[in-house]
PDB file of N, CA and C in Angstrom:
ATOM      1  N   UNK A   1      89.882  58.941  91.328  1.00  0.00           N
ATOM      2  CA  UNK A   1      90.472  60.222  90.296  1.00  0.00           C
ATOM      3  C   UNK A   1      89.468  61.139  89.565  1.00  0.00           C
ATOM      4  N   UNK A   2      90.106  61.919  88.734  1.00  0.00           N
ATOM      5  CA  UNK A   2      88.995  63.046  88.415  1.00  0.00           C
ATOM      6  C   UNK A   2      90.322  64.137  86.954  1.00  0.00           C
ATOM      7  N   UNK A   3      89.104  63.824  86.110  1.00  0.00           N
ATOM      8  CA  UNK A   3      89.531  64.361  84.946  1.00  0.00           C
ATOM      9  C   UNK A   3      90.686  65.335  84.628  1.00  0.00           C
ATOM     10  N   UNK A   4      89.908  66.411  85.197  1.00  0.00           N
ATOM     11  CA  UNK A   4      91.180  67.374  85.535  1.00  0.00           C
ATOM     12  C   UNK A   4      92.748  67.018  86.093  1.00  0.00           C
ATOM     13  N   UNK A   5      92.910  66.545  86.769  1.00  0.00           N
ATOM     14  CA  UNK A   5      93.924  65.547  87.067  1.00  0.00           C
ATOM     15  C   UNK A   5      94.790  64.389  86.324  1.00  0.00           C
ATOM     16  N   UNK A   6      93.433  63.963  85.208  1.00  0.00           N
ATOM     17  CA  UNK A   6      94.414  63.454  84.039  1.00  0.00           C
ATOM     18  C   UNK A   6      95.144  64.184  83.226  1.00  0.00           C
ATOM     19  N   UNK A   7      93.998  65.319  82.640  1.00  0.00           N
ATOM     20  CA  UNK A   7      94.528  66.609  81.790  1.00  0.00           C
ATOM     21  C   UNK A   7      95.386  67.049  81.872  1.00  0.00           C
ATOM     22  N   UNK A   8      95.500  67.683  83.167  1.00  0.00           N
ATOM     23  CA  UNK A   8      97.220  67.657  83.820  1.00  0.00           C
ATOM     24  C   UNK A   8      98.404  66.927  83.528  1.00  0.00           C
ATOM     25  N   UNK A   9      97.752  65.484  84.227  1.00  0.00           N
ATOM     26  CA  UNK A   9      99.323  64.691  84.164  1.00  0.00           C
ATOM     27  C   UNK A   9     100.056  64.337  82.889  1.00  0.00           C
ATOM     28  N   UNK A  10      99.229  63.915  81.810  1.00  0.00           N
ATOM     29  CA  UNK A  10      98.861  64.453  79.980  1.00  0.00           C
ATOM     30  C   UNK A  10     100.070  65.348  79.258  1.00  0.00           C
ATOM     31  N   UNK A  11      99.107  67.047  80.025  1.00  0.00           N
ATOM     32  CA  UNK A  11     100.014  67.851  79.400  1.00  0.00           C
ATOM     33  C   UNK A  11     101.006  68.279  80.113  1.00  0.00           C
ATOM     34  N   UNK A  12     101.664  67.811  81.355  1.00  0.00           N
ATOM     35  CA  UNK A  12     102.926  67.484  81.396  1.00  0.00           C
ATOM     36  C   UNK A  12     103.667  66.907  81.623  1.00  0.00           C
ATOM     37  N   UNK A  13     103.171  65.741  80.952  1.00  0.00           N
ATOM     38  CA  UNK A  13     104.064  64.394  80.382  1.00  0.00           C
ATOM     39  C   UNK A  13     104.363  64.701  79.489  1.00  0.00           C
ATOM     40  N   UNK A  14     103.805  65.161  78.364  1.00  0.00           N
ATOM     41  CA  UNK A  14     104.438  65.401  76.527  1.00  0.00           C
ATOM     42  C   UNK A  14     104.261  66.895  76.629  1.00  0.00           C
ATOM     43  N   UNK A  15     104.816  67.229  76.441  1.00  0.00           N
ATOM     44  CA  UNK A  15     105.481  69.146  76.591  1.00  0.00           C
ATOM     45  C   UNK A  15     105.353  69.234  75.710  1.00  0.00           C
ATOM     46  N   UNK A  16     103.818  70.617  75.875  1.00  0.00           N
ATOM     47  CA  UNK A  16     103.634  70.992  74.249  1.00  0.00           C
ATOM     48  C   UNK A  16     102.007  69.968  73.907  1.00  0.00           C
ATOM     49  N   UNK A  17     101.376  69.442  74.316  1.00  0.00           N
ATOM     50  CA  UNK A  17     100.126  68.683  74.100  1.00  0.00           C
ATOM     51  C   UNK A  17      98.890  69.419  74.672  1.00  0.00           C
ATOM     52  N   UNK A  18      98.307  69.296  74.478  1.00  0.00           N
ATOM     53  CA  UNK A  18      96.676  69.982  74.820  1.00  0.00           C
ATOM     54  C   UNK A  18      95.917  68.162  75.098  1.00  0.00           C
ATOM     55  N   UNK A  19      95.050  68.115  76.026  1.00  0.00           N
ATOM     56  CA  UNK A  19      94.426  67.322  76.000  1.00  0.00           C
ATOM     57  C   UNK A  19      92.792  67.512  76.724  1.00  0.00           C
ATOM     58  N   UNK A  20      91.727  67.076  76.078  1.00  0.00           N
ATOM     59  CA  UNK A  20      90.396  67.030  76.905  1.00  0.00           C
ATOM     60  C   UNK A  20      90.137  65.695  77.621  1.00  0.00           C
ATOM     61  N   UNK A  21      89.772  65.474  78.588  1.00  0.00           N
ATOM     62  CA  UNK A  21      89.437  64.715  79.494  1.00  0.00           C
ATOM     63  C   UNK A  21      88.037  64.195  80.085  1.00  0.00           C
ATOM     64  N   UNK A  22      87.109  63.302  79.596  1.00  0.00           N
ATOM     65  CA  UNK A  22      85.852  64.155  80.522  1.00  0.00           C
ATOM     66  C   UNK A  22      85.806  62.405  80.932  1.00  0.00           C
ATOM     67  N   UNK A  23      84.956  62.687  81.939  1.00  0.00           N
ATOM     68  CA  UNK A  23      84.754  60.485  82.776  1.00  0.00           C
ATOM     69  C   UNK A  23      83.690  61.159  84.189  1.00  0.00           C
ATOM     70  N   UNK A  24      82.580  60.338  84.062  1.00  0.00           N
ATOM     71  CA  UNK A  24      81.117  60.547  84.843  1.00  0.00           C
ATOM     72  C   UNK A  24      81.922  59.593  86.529  1.00  0.00           C
ATOM     73  N   UNK A  25      82.454  59.237  85.984  1.00  0.00           N
ATOM     74  CA  UNK A  25      81.854  57.880  87.430  1.00  0.00           C
ATOM     75  C   UNK A  25      83.465  57.680  88.000  1.00  0.00           C
ATOM     76  N   UNK A  26      84.634  58.595  86.808  1.00  0.00           N
ATOM     77  CA  UNK A  26      85.475  58.336  87.952  1.00  0.00           C
ATOM     78  C   UNK A  26      86.723  57.199  87.568  1.00  0.00           C
ATOM     79  N   UNK A  27      86.674  56.398  86.900  1.00  0.00           N
ATOM     80  CA  UNK A  27      87.140  55.974  86.685  1.00  0.00           C
ATOM     81  C   UNK A  27      87.333  55.021  85.196  1.00  0.00           C
ATOM     82  N   UNK A  28      85.891  55.653  83.940  1.00  0.00           N
ATOM     83  CA  UNK A  28      86.552  55.498  82.998  1.00  0.00           C
ATOM     84  C   UNK A  28      86.400  56.718  82.230  1.00  0.00           C
ATOM     85  N   UNK A  29      87.373  57.110  81.575  1.00  0.00           N
ATOM     86  CA  UNK A  29      87.229  58.404  80.649  1.00  0.00           C
ATOM     87  C   UNK A  29      88.414  58.041  79.573  1.00  0.00           C
ATOM     88  N   UNK A  30      87.503  59.434  79.019  1.00  0.00           N
ATOM     89  CA  UNK A  30      87.778  59.195  77.160  1.00  0.00           C
ATOM     90  C   UNK A  30      88.912  60.974  77.022  1.00  0.00           C
ATOM     91  N   UNK A  31      89.917  60.472  76.367  1.00  0.00           N
ATOM     92  CA  UNK A  31      90.884  61.575  76.143  1.00  0.00           C
ATOM     93  C   UNK A  31      91.134  61.730  74.397  1.00  0.00           C
ATOM     94  N   UNK A  32      90.935  63.072  73.890  1.00  0.00           N
ATOM     95  CA  UNK A  32      91.606  63.472  73.109  1.00  0.00           C
ATOM     96  C   UNK A  32      93.692  64.432  73.445  1.00  0.00           C
ATOM     97  N   UNK A  33      94.291  64.156  72.725  1.00  0.00           N
ATOM     98  CA  UNK A  33      95.029  64.313  73.351  1.00  0.00           C
ATOM     99  C   UNK A  33      96.265  64.712  71.958  1.00  0.00           C
ATOM    100  N   UNK A  34      95.899  65.963  71.301  1.00  0.00           N
ATOM    101  CA  UNK A  34      96.961  66.600  70.184  1.00  0.00           C
ATOM    102  C   UNK A  34      98.251  67.085  70.674  1.00  0.00           C
ATOM    103  N   UNK A  35      99.332  66.149  70.163  1.00  0.00           N
ATOM    104  CA  UNK A  35     100.710  66.560  70.016  1.00  0.00           C
ATOM    105  C   UNK A  35     101.308  66.404  69.037  1.00  0.00           C
ATOM    106  N   UNK A  36     102.270  67.173  68.822  1.00  0.00           N
ATOM    107  CA  UNK A  36     103.244  67.423  68.024  1.00  0.00           C
ATOM    108  C   UNK A  36     104.105  65.278  67.742  1.00  0.00           C
ATOM    109  N   UNK A  37     104.597  65.263  69.030  1.00  0.00           N
ATOM    110  CA  UNK A  37     105.429  64.217  69.768  1.00  0.00           C
ATOM    111  C   UNK A  37     104.683  63.025  68.717  1.00  0.00           C
ATOM    112  N   UNK A  38     103.457  63.054  68.362  1.00  0.00           N
ATOM    113  CA  UNK A  38     102.732  61.405  67.646  1.00  0.00           C
ATOM    114  C   UNK A  38     103.452  61.577  66.288  1.00  0.00           C
ATOM    115  N   UNK A  39     103.997  63.253  65.609  1.00  0.00           N
ATOM    116  CA  UNK A  39     103.957  62.776  64.364  1.00  0.00           C
ATOM    117  C   UNK A  39     104.911  61.507  63.764  1.00  0.00           C
ATOM    118  N   UNK A  40     104.224  61.365  63.056  1.00  0.00           N
ATOM    119  CA  UNK A  40     104.736  59.729  62.339  1.00  0.00           C
ATOM    120  C   UNK A  40     105.279  58.118  62.901  1.00  0.00           C
ATOM    121  N   UNK A  41     104.233  58.467  64.608  1.00  0.00           N
ATOM    122  CA  UNK A  41     104.145  57.927  64.710  1.00  0.00           C
ATOM    123  C   UNK A  41     102.834  56.917  64.471  1.00  0.00           C
ATOM    124  N   UNK A  42     102.145  55.284  64.662  1.00  0.00           N
ATOM    125  CA  UNK A  42     101.559  54.792  65.216  1.00  0.00           C
ATOM    126  C   UNK A  42     100.750  54.651  65.931  1.00  0.00           C
ATOM    127  N   UNK A  43      99.307  54.203  65.898  1.00  0.00           N
ATOM    128  CA  UNK A  43      98.486  54.584  66.737  1.00  0.00           C
ATOM    129  C   UNK A  43      98.942  53.983  67.868  1.00  0.00           C
ATOM    130  N   UNK A  44      99.395  53.159  68.034  1.00  0.00           N
ATOM    131  CA  UNK A  44     100.138  52.472  69.529  1.00  0.00           C
ATOM    132  C   UNK A  44     101.442  52.872  69.849  1.00  0.00           C
ATOM    133  N   UNK A  45     102.023  52.823  69.424  1.00  0.00           N
ATOM    134  CA  UNK A  45     103.079  54.397  70.262  1.00  0.00           C
ATOM    135  C   UNK A  45     103.080  55.091  70.659  1.00  0.00           C
ATOM    136  N   UNK A  46     101.492  56.269  69.298  1.00  0.00           N
ATOM    137  CA  UNK A  46     100.764  57.173  70.185  1.00  0.00           C
ATOM    138  C   UNK A  46     100.079  56.704  71.445  1.00  0.00           C
ATOM    139  N   UNK A  47      99.522  55.979  71.569  1.00  0.00           N
ATOM    140  CA  UNK A  47      99.182  55.480  72.720  1.00  0.00           C
ATOM    141  C   UNK A  47     100.317  55.163  74.133  1.00  0.00           C
ATOM    142  N   UNK A  48     101.187  54.867  73.945  1.00  0.00           N
ATOM    143  CA  UNK A  48     102.262  54.157  74.573  1.00  0.00           C
ATOM    144  C   UNK A  48     102.782  55.149  75.064  1.00  0.00           C
ATOM    145  N   UNK A  49     102.671  56.691  74.327  1.00  0.00           N
ATOM    146  CA  UNK A  49     103.212  57.948  75.028  1.00  0.00           C
ATOM    147  C   UNK A  49     102.812  58.491  76.389  1.00  0.00           C
ATOM    148  N   UNK A  50     101.159  57.978  75.682  1.00  0.00           N
ATOM    149  CA  UNK A  50     100.163  58.605  76.583  1.00  0.00           C
ATOM    150  C   UNK A  50      99.981  57.623  78.056  1.00  0.00           C
ATOM    151  N   UNK A  51     100.092  57.143  78.027  1.00  0.00           N
ATOM    152  CA  UNK A  51      99.313  56.135  78.783  1.00  0.00           C
ATOM    153  C   UNK A  51     101.370  56.146  79.901  1.00  0.00           C
ATOM    154  N   UNK A  52     102.280  56.467  79.073  1.00  0.00           N
ATOM    155  CA  UNK A  52     103.410  57.051  80.094  1.00  0.00           C
ATOM    156  C   UNK A  52     103.827  57.476  81.523  1.00  0.00           C
ATOM    157  N   UNK A  53     102.859  58.621  80.478  1.00  0.00           N
ATOM    158  CA  UNK A  53     102.768  59.689  80.925  1.00  0.00           C
ATOM    159  C   UNK A  53     102.004  59.527  82.877  1.00  0.00           C
ATOM    160  N   UNK A  54     100.976  58.549  82.738  1.00  0.00           N
ATOM    161  CA  UNK A  54     100.264  58.412  83.502  1.00  0.00           C
ATOM    162  C   UNK A  54     100.596  57.243  84.535  1.00  0.00           C
ATOM    163  N   UNK A  55     101.642  56.243  84.142  1.00  0.00           N
ATOM    164  CA  UNK A  55     102.352  55.522  85.099  1.00  0.00           C
ATOM    165  C   UNK A  55     101.426  54.522  85.435  1.00  0.00           C
ATOM    166  N   UNK A  56     101.637  54.452  86.689  1.00  0.00           N
ATOM    167  CA  UNK A  56     100.692  53.306  87.518  1.00  0.00           C
ATOM    168  C   UNK A  56      99.078  53.857  88.062  1.00  0.00           C
ATOM    169  N   UNK A  57      98.830  54.585  87.296  1.00  0.00           N
ATOM    170  CA  UNK A  57      97.362  54.943  87.420  1.00  0.00           C
ATOM    171  C   UNK A  57      97.140  54.061  86.543  1.00  0.00           C
ATOM    172  N   UNK A  58      98.095  54.169  84.959  1.00  0.00           N
ATOM    173  CA  UNK A  58      96.842  53.185  84.815  1.00  0.00           C
ATOM    174  C   UNK A  58      96.784  51.486  84.625  1.00  0.00           C
ATOM    175  N   UNK A  59      95.051  51.240  84.655  1.00  0.00           N
ATOM    176  CA  UNK A  59      94.886  49.470  85.943  1.00  0.00           C
ATOM    177  C   UNK A  59      94.504  49.419  87.041  1.00  0.00           C
ATOM    178  N   UNK A  60      95.103  50.875  87.736  1.00  0.00           N
ATOM    179  CA  UNK A  60      94.319  51.008  88.921  1.00  0.00           C
ATOM    180  C   UNK A  60      93.665  52.196  89.289  1.00  0.00           C
ATOM    181  N   UNK A  61      94.435  53.069  89.422  1.00  0.00           N
ATOM    182  CA  UNK A  61      92.956  54.312  89.774  1.00  0.00           C
ATOM    183  C   UNK A  61      91.862  55.075  88.794  1.00  0.00           C
ATOM    184  N   UNK A  62      92.516  54.697  87.029  1.00  0.00           N
ATOM    185  CA  UNK A  62      91.872  54.336  85.823  1.00  0.00           C
ATOM    186  C   UNK A  62      91.785  53.080  84.979  1.00  0.00           C
ATOM    187  N   UNK A  63      90.378  53.190  85.101  1.00  0.00           N
ATOM    188  CA  UNK A  63      89.744  51.333  85.232  1.00  0.00           C
ATOM    189  C   UNK A  63      90.137  51.617  83.317  1.00  0.00           C
ATOM    190  N   UNK A  64      89.794  52.560  82.712  1.00  0.00           N
ATOM    191  CA  UNK A  64      90.024  52.545  81.634  1.00  0.00           C
ATOM    192  C   UNK A  64      90.353  53.824  80.684  1.00  0.00           C
ATOM    193  N   UNK A  65      90.498  53.880  79.178  1.00  0.00           N
ATOM    194  CA  UNK A  65      90.764  54.961  78.955  1.00  0.00           C
ATOM    195  C   UNK A  65      90.526  54.838  77.764  1.00  0.00           C
ATOM    196  N   UNK A  66      89.887  55.785  77.313  1.00  0.00           N
ATOM    197  CA  UNK A  66      89.654  56.060  75.609  1.00  0.00           C
ATOM    198  C   UNK A  66      89.990  56.759  74.996  1.00  0.00           C
ATOM    199  N   UNK A  67      90.806  56.861  74.256  1.00  0.00           N
ATOM    200  CA  UNK A  67      92.524  57.688  73.754  1.00  0.00           C
ATOM    201  C   UNK A  67      92.250  57.567  71.945  1.00  0.00           C
ATOM    202  N   UNK A  68      92.130  58.892  71.660  1.00  0.00           N
ATOM    203  CA  UNK A  68      92.238  59.549  70.208  1.00  0.00           C
ATOM    204  C   UNK A  68      93.737  60.850  70.638  1.00  0.00           C
ATOM    205  N   UNK A  69      94.215  59.721  69.541  1.00  0.00           N
ATOM    206  CA  UNK A  69      95.290  60.982  69.897  1.00  0.00           C
ATOM    207  C   UNK A  69      95.902  61.700  68.146  1.00  0.00           C
ATOM    208  N   UNK A  70      96.356  62.360  67.813  1.00  0.00           N
ATOM    209  CA  UNK A  70      96.375  62.910  66.953  1.00  0.00           C
ATOM    210  C   UNK A  70      97.627  64.650  66.956  1.00  0.00           C
ATOM    211  N   UNK A  71      98.083  65.140  65.781  1.00  0.00           N
ATOM    212  CA  UNK A  71      99.081  65.517  65.668  1.00  0.00           C
ATOM    213  C   UNK A  71      97.894  67.263  65.126  1.00  0.00           C
ATOM    214  N   UNK A  72      99.105  68.544  65.798  1.00  0.00           N
ATOM    215  CA  UNK A  72      97.810  69.478  65.068  1.00  0.00           C
ATOM    216  C   UNK A  72      97.383  69.651  64.087  1.00  0.00           C
ATOM    217  N   UNK A  73      97.686  69.306  62.811  1.00  0.00           N
ATOM    218  CA  UNK A  73      97.513  69.054  61.605  1.00  0.00           C
ATOM    219  C   UNK A  73      96.582  68.516  61.644  1.00  0.00           C
ATOM    220  N   UNK A  74      96.493  67.556  62.334  1.00  0.00           N
ATOM    221  CA  UNK A  74      94.972  65.856  62.001  1.00  0.00           C
ATOM    222  C   UNK A  74      93.886  67.108  63.218  1.00  0.00           C
ATOM    223  N   UNK A  75      94.623  66.991  63.235  1.00  0.00           N
ATOM    224  CA  UNK A  75      93.810  67.993  64.277  1.00  0.00           C
ATOM    225  C   UNK A  75      92.665  69.184  63.826  1.00  0.00           C
ATOM    226  N   UNK A  76      93.843  69.795  62.744  1.00  0.00           N
ATOM    227  CA  UNK A  76      92.465  71.174  61.762  1.00  0.00           C
ATOM    228  C   UNK A  76      91.998  70.449  61.042  1.00  0.00           C
ATOM    229  N   UNK A  77      91.776  69.217  60.600  1.00  0.00           N
ATOM    230  CA  UNK A  77      90.559  68.557  60.099  1.00  0.00           C
ATOM    231  C   UNK A  77      90.147  67.743  60.251  1.00  0.00           C
ATOM    232  N   UNK A  78      89.843  67.176  61.616  1.00  0.00           N
ATOM    233  CA  UNK A  78      88.737  66.852  62.034  1.00  0.00           C
ATOM    234  C   UNK A  78      87.611  67.736  62.523  1.00  0.00           C
TER     235      UNK A  78
END
């Protein structure tokens, strides 16, 4: 598994989202995901939206994914 594949899956699964994914060992990754779909949702619900884009890869090819999930407005204030 590689960062670019994860980025593509997230962005395809969450229309309008942008993702920055890093991870050097091929199983542990960090991702910043910016999406309007997160508006009004708690962090757990946001994470579930991202996990849904990755399906069975989570816990398999992707051993760990540290997520930071923000709306476009939250991203501007970071």
